[in-house]
C-alpha cells in the first residue's frame, strides 16, 4: 500500500506531527473523526485520548484555519 494512502487514514507520531497530518486531511466533507488508539508500552488509552482531545485536534483546527487564511 502506498505511503500516501496509509497517511491519509492513519495518524502517527508526536502530537504536532499528528496535528499536521490531521489538518491536511480535514475538509468540508469531513463530518466526523474516529479515534482508535494504539498504545505504546507505558501508555494508557485515557492518556492517548486526552492528548488527542487537548493537543492534537485543537492544533489541527488551528493549522487548518491558518491554511485557509
Protein backbone atom coordinates (compact mmCIF):
# COMPACT_ATOMS: atom_id res chain seq x y z
CA UNK A 1 0.00 0.00 0.00
CA UNK A 2 1.48 3.41 -0.91
CA UNK A 3 2.65 5.58 1.99
CA UNK A 4 0.33 8.42 0.92
CA UNK A 5 -2.68 6.14 1.25
CA UNK A 6 -1.63 4.95 4.70
CA UNK A 7 -1.02 8.51 5.88
CA UNK A 8 -4.46 9.55 4.64
CA UNK A 9 -6.04 7.00 7.00
CA UNK A 10 -3.68 6.80 9.99
CA UNK A 11 -2.13 9.40 12.28
CA UNK A 12 1.20 8.51 13.82
CA UNK A 13 3.91 10.37 15.67
CA UNK A 14 4.09 13.06 18.30
CA UNK A 15 1.12 15.41 18.82
CA UNK A 16 2.50 18.09 16.46
CA UNK A 17 3.06 15.60 13.65
CA UNK A 18 -0.38 14.05 14.15
CA UNK A 19 -1.97 17.52 14.16
CA UNK A 20 -0.25 18.40 10.88
CA UNK A 21 -1.41 15.13 9.30
CA UNK A 22 -4.97 15.68 10.51
CA UNK A 23 -5.03 19.30 9.35
CA UNK A 24 -4.14 18.19 5.82
CA UNK A 25 -6.99 15.65 5.89
CA UNK A 26 -9.70 17.93 7.26
CA UNK A 27 -12.04 19.38 4.73
CA UNK A 28 -15.65 20.48 4.32
CA UNK A 29 -16.81 16.93 3.59
CA UNK A 30 -15.32 15.57 6.82
CA UNK A 31 -18.08 15.41 9.41
CA UNK A 32 -16.52 13.10 11.99
CA UNK A 33 -13.24 11.59 13.09
CA UNK A 34 -12.83 8.10 14.53
CA UNK A 35 -10.10 7.63 17.10
CA UNK A 36 -8.72 4.11 17.55
CA UNK A 37 -5.72 4.50 19.82
CA UNK A 38 -2.79 2.13 19.56
CA UNK A 39 -0.76 2.25 22.73
CA UNK A 40 2.96 2.09 23.16
CA UNK A 41 4.37 0.44 26.25
CA UNK A 42 3.61 2.52 29.32
CA UNK A 43 0.67 4.46 27.82
CA UNK A 44 -2.95 4.15 28.80
CA UNK A 45 -5.91 4.59 26.50
CA UNK A 46 -7.03 7.56 28.60
CA UNK A 47 -3.66 9.29 28.13
CA UNK A 48 -3.75 8.84 24.37
CA UNK A 49 -7.34 10.06 24.08
CA UNK A 50 -6.63 13.04 26.33
CA UNK A 51 -3.60 14.00 24.23
CA UNK A 52 -5.71 13.75 21.07
CA UNK A 53 -8.52 15.85 22.55
CA UNK A 54 -6.34 18.53 24.14
CA UNK A 55 -3.25 18.70 21.92
CA UNK A 56 -3.81 17.11 18.52
CA UNK A 57 -7.33 18.10 17.48
CA UNK A 58 -7.16 21.76 18.61
CA UNK A 59 -3.77 22.18 16.90
CA UNK A 60 -5.12 20.57 13.71
CA UNK A 61 -8.03 23.03 13.65
CA UNK A 62 -5.61 25.90 14.23
CA UNK A 63 -3.37 24.75 11.37
CA UNK A 64 -6.37 24.28 9.09
CA UNK A 65 -7.66 27.79 9.85
CA UNK A 66 -4.22 29.28 9.19
CA UNK A 67 -4.01 27.45 5.86
CA UNK A 68 -7.34 28.93 4.77
CA UNK A 69 -6.28 32.50 5.60
